[in-house]
Amino acid sequence: MQQITLAEASQNLPELIEAALSGEEIIIIKDNQPVVKLTPVSPVKRRRQPGSAKGLITISDDFDAPLEDFKEYME
């Protein structure tokens, strides 16, 4: 965990962002009190959209036909 003053944070923001993205916890302090914690934002989960794979998946005409290996069990 790295604690840094507000003045230092304003001068080094790009470096602090990179450090936070790489997993380091960055705490910004003001008047010797922690006020801000830099953490990466979790990716937003997209809602499932029905039909979005339409045309991407095909099923052969004989997909449910008995397999030759199991023919003796099917009689």
N, C-alpha and C. Protein backbone atom coordinates (compact mmCIF):
# COMPACT_ATOMS: atom_id res chain seq x y z
N MET A 1 0.86 -1.19 0.00
CA MET A 1 0.00 0.00 0.00
C MET A 1 0.89 1.24 0.00
N GLN A 2 0.58 2.13 -0.87
CA GLN A 2 1.35 3.38 -0.99
C GLN A 2 0.46 4.54 -0.59
N GLN A 3 0.96 5.38 0.32
CA GLN A 3 0.23 6.59 0.69
C GLN A 3 0.96 7.78 0.11
N ILE A 4 0.20 8.67 -0.46
CA ILE A 4 0.78 9.83 -1.14
C ILE A 4 -0.10 11.04 -0.86
N THR A 5 0.53 12.21 -0.77
CA THR A 5 -0.24 13.42 -0.49
C THR A 5 -0.99 13.86 -1.75
N LEU A 6 -1.98 14.68 -1.55
CA LEU A 6 -2.78 15.20 -2.65
C LEU A 6 -1.92 15.97 -3.65
N ALA A 7 -0.99 16.78 -3.15
CA ALA A 7 -0.11 17.56 -4.03
C ALA A 7 0.76 16.63 -4.87
N GLU A 8 1.32 15.58 -4.25
CA GLU A 8 2.15 14.63 -4.99
C GLU A 8 1.31 13.86 -6.00
N ALA A 9 0.09 13.53 -5.63
CA ALA A 9 -0.79 12.78 -6.52
C ALA A 9 -1.12 13.58 -7.77
N SER A 10 -1.35 14.88 -7.61
CA SER A 10 -1.69 15.71 -8.77
C SER A 10 -0.51 15.83 -9.74
N GLN A 11 0.70 15.73 -9.23
CA GLN A 11 1.89 15.82 -10.08
C GLN A 11 2.23 14.48 -10.74
N ASN A 12 1.81 13.38 -10.15
CA ASN A 12 2.20 12.05 -10.62
C ASN A 12 1.01 11.16 -10.98
N LEU A 13 -0.09 11.76 -11.37
CA LEU A 13 -1.31 10.98 -11.61
C LEU A 13 -1.14 9.85 -12.62
N PRO A 14 -0.52 10.07 -13.79
CA PRO A 14 -0.38 8.95 -14.74
C PRO A 14 0.37 7.75 -14.15
N GLU A 15 1.43 8.02 -13.41
CA GLU A 15 2.21 6.93 -12.80
C GLU A 15 1.39 6.22 -11.73
N LEU A 16 0.61 6.98 -10.97
CA LEU A 16 -0.22 6.38 -9.92
C LEU A 16 -1.32 5.50 -10.53
N ILE A 17 -1.88 5.94 -11.63
CA ILE A 17 -2.90 5.15 -12.31
C ILE A 17 -2.30 3.83 -12.80
N GLU A 18 -1.13 3.88 -13.39
CA GLU A 18 -0.46 2.66 -13.85
C GLU A 18 -0.18 1.72 -12.68
N ALA A 19 0.25 2.28 -11.55
CA ALA A 19 0.53 1.46 -10.37
C ALA A 19 -0.75 0.80 -9.87
N ALA A 20 -1.86 1.53 -9.86
CA ALA A 20 -3.13 0.97 -9.42
C ALA A 20 -3.60 -0.12 -10.38
N LEU A 21 -3.42 0.09 -11.67
CA LEU A 21 -3.82 -0.91 -12.66
C LEU A 21 -3.01 -2.19 -12.52
N SER A 22 -1.78 -2.07 -12.05
CA SER A 22 -0.95 -3.26 -11.88
C SER A 22 -1.18 -3.94 -10.53
N GLY A 23 -2.14 -3.44 -9.75
CA GLY A 23 -2.53 -4.10 -8.52
C GLY A 23 -2.09 -3.43 -7.23
N GLU A 24 -1.35 -2.35 -7.34
CA GLU A 24 -0.90 -1.67 -6.13
C GLU A 24 -2.04 -0.81 -5.56
N GLU A 25 -2.16 -0.81 -4.25
CA GLU A 25 -3.18 0.00 -3.59
C GLU A 25 -2.60 1.39 -3.34
N ILE A 26 -3.25 2.42 -3.85
CA ILE A 26 -2.79 3.80 -3.72
C ILE A 26 -3.80 4.56 -2.87
N ILE A 27 -3.33 5.13 -1.77
CA ILE A 27 -4.17 5.95 -0.88
C ILE A 27 -3.67 7.39 -0.97
N ILE A 28 -4.58 8.30 -1.26
CA ILE A 28 -4.24 9.73 -1.30
C ILE A 28 -4.69 10.35 0.02
N ILE A 29 -3.76 11.07 0.64
CA ILE A 29 -4.07 11.67 1.94
C ILE A 29 -4.09 13.20 1.83
N LYS A 30 -4.91 13.79 2.69
CA LYS A 30 -5.02 15.25 2.79
C LYS A 30 -5.12 15.56 4.27
N ASP A 31 -4.26 16.45 4.73
CA ASP A 31 -4.20 16.81 6.15
C ASP A 31 -4.00 15.55 7.02
N ASN A 32 -3.11 14.69 6.54
CA ASN A 32 -2.75 13.45 7.23
C ASN A 32 -3.92 12.47 7.42
N GLN A 33 -4.95 12.62 6.62
CA GLN A 33 -6.11 11.73 6.67
C GLN A 33 -6.32 11.10 5.29
N PRO A 34 -6.54 9.81 5.21
CA PRO A 34 -6.83 9.21 3.90
C PRO A 34 -8.17 9.71 3.36
N VAL A 35 -8.17 10.14 2.10
CA VAL A 35 -9.39 10.68 1.51
C VAL A 35 -9.82 9.95 0.23
N VAL A 36 -8.85 9.38 -0.49
CA VAL A 36 -9.17 8.72 -1.76
C VAL A 36 -8.33 7.46 -1.89
N LYS A 37 -8.96 6.41 -2.44
CA LYS A 37 -8.25 5.17 -2.73
C LYS A 37 -8.35 4.91 -4.23
N LEU A 38 -7.21 4.77 -4.90
CA LEU A 38 -7.21 4.48 -6.33
C LEU A 38 -7.27 2.97 -6.52
N THR A 39 -8.28 2.52 -7.24
CA THR A 39 -8.42 1.11 -7.58
C THR A 39 -8.93 1.01 -9.02
N PRO A 40 -8.56 -0.04 -9.73
CA PRO A 40 -9.06 -0.20 -11.10
C PRO A 40 -10.57 -0.47 -11.10
N VAL A 41 -11.23 -0.04 -12.14
CA VAL A 41 -12.66 -0.26 -12.30
C VAL A 41 -12.85 -1.65 -12.92
N SER A 42 -13.76 -2.43 -12.37
CA SER A 42 -14.07 -3.75 -12.92
C SER A 42 -14.78 -3.57 -14.25
N PRO A 43 -14.51 -4.45 -15.21
CA PRO A 43 -15.21 -4.34 -16.49
C PRO A 43 -16.72 -4.51 -16.31
N VAL A 44 -17.47 -3.76 -17.07
CA VAL A 44 -18.92 -3.82 -17.00
C VAL A 44 -19.40 -5.07 -17.72
N LYS A 45 -20.23 -5.85 -17.05
CA LYS A 45 -20.77 -7.05 -17.67
C LYS A 45 -21.93 -6.65 -18.59
N ARG A 46 -21.84 -7.15 -19.82
CA ARG A 46 -22.92 -6.87 -20.76
C ARG A 46 -24.06 -7.85 -20.53
N ARG A 47 -25.27 -7.36 -20.68
CA ARG A 47 -26.45 -8.23 -20.57
C ARG A 47 -26.48 -9.18 -21.75
N ARG A 48 -26.93 -10.38 -21.48
CA ARG A 48 -27.07 -11.37 -22.53
C ARG A 48 -28.15 -10.92 -23.50
N GLN A 49 -27.87 -11.04 -24.78
CA GLN A 49 -28.85 -10.64 -25.78
C GLN A 49 -29.30 -11.88 -26.55
N PRO A 50 -30.53 -12.29 -26.36
CA PRO A 50 -31.03 -13.48 -27.06
C PRO A 50 -30.91 -13.32 -28.58
N GLY A 51 -30.46 -14.39 -29.22
CA GLY A 51 -30.35 -14.37 -30.67
C GLY A 51 -29.05 -13.81 -31.20
N SER A 52 -28.14 -13.46 -30.32
CA SER A 52 -26.90 -12.83 -30.78
C SER A 52 -25.99 -13.79 -31.53
N ALA A 53 -26.18 -15.11 -31.40
CA ALA A 53 -25.35 -16.09 -32.11
C ALA A 53 -26.09 -16.69 -33.31
N LYS A 54 -27.19 -16.09 -33.69
CA LYS A 54 -27.98 -16.61 -34.80
C LYS A 54 -27.13 -16.68 -36.06
N GLY A 55 -27.13 -17.85 -36.69
CA GLY A 55 -26.36 -18.03 -37.92
C GLY A 55 -24.92 -18.46 -37.68
N LEU A 56 -24.46 -18.47 -36.44
CA LEU A 56 -23.10 -18.86 -36.13
C LEU A 56 -22.97 -20.35 -35.80
N ILE A 57 -24.07 -20.97 -35.47
CA ILE A 57 -24.05 -22.37 -35.05
C ILE A 57 -24.90 -23.18 -36.02
N THR A 58 -24.36 -24.30 -36.49
CA THR A 58 -25.13 -25.19 -37.36
C THR A 58 -25.10 -26.59 -36.77
N ILE A 59 -26.17 -27.32 -36.99
CA ILE A 59 -26.28 -28.70 -36.53
C ILE A 59 -26.53 -29.57 -37.76
N SER A 60 -25.74 -30.62 -37.89
CA SER A 60 -25.90 -31.48 -39.06
C SER A 60 -27.26 -32.19 -39.00
N ASP A 61 -27.76 -32.56 -40.17
CA ASP A 61 -29.08 -33.19 -40.26
C ASP A 61 -29.14 -34.52 -39.50
N ASP A 62 -28.03 -35.22 -39.40
CA ASP A 62 -28.03 -36.54 -38.77
C ASP A 62 -27.42 -36.52 -37.37
N PHE A 63 -27.42 -35.40 -36.69
CA PHE A 63 -26.76 -35.32 -35.40
C PHE A 63 -27.38 -36.25 -34.35
N ASP A 64 -28.65 -36.58 -34.49
CA ASP A 64 -29.29 -37.46 -33.52
C ASP A 64 -29.46 -38.88 -34.03
N ALA A 65 -28.84 -39.20 -35.14
CA ALA A 65 -28.89 -40.56 -35.68
C ALA A 65 -28.02 -41.47 -34.81
N PRO A 66 -28.41 -42.74 -34.68
CA PRO A 66 -27.62 -43.66 -33.86
C PRO A 66 -26.20 -43.82 -34.43
N LEU A 67 -25.26 -43.95 -33.56
CA LEU A 67 -23.87 -44.14 -33.97
C LEU A 67 -23.65 -45.60 -34.32
N GLU A 68 -22.77 -45.85 -35.28
CA GLU A 68 -22.45 -47.21 -35.70
C GLU A 68 -21.94 -48.03 -34.51
N ASP A 69 -21.17 -47.47 -33.64
CA ASP A 69 -20.60 -48.18 -32.49
C ASP A 69 -21.67 -48.69 -31.53
N PHE A 70 -22.84 -48.07 -31.53
CA PHE A 70 -23.91 -48.43 -30.60
C PHE A 70 -25.06 -49.16 -31.29
N LYS A 71 -24.86 -49.51 -32.54
CA LYS A 71 -25.94 -50.13 -33.32
C LYS A 71 -26.45 -51.41 -32.66
N GLU A 72 -25.55 -52.24 -32.11
CA GLU A 72 -25.97 -53.48 -31.48
C GLU A 72 -26.82 -53.25 -30.24
N TYR A 73 -26.66 -52.11 -29.58
CA TYR A 73 -27.46 -51.81 -28.38
C TYR A 73 -28.84 -51.25 -28.73
N MET A 74 -29.00 -50.81 -29.94
CA MET A 74 -30.24 -50.15 -30.35
C MET A 74 -31.27 -51.17 -30.89
N GLU A 75 -30.86 -52.39 -31.12
CA GLU A 75 -31.79 -53.39 -31.68
C GLU A 75 -32.64 -54.03 -30.65
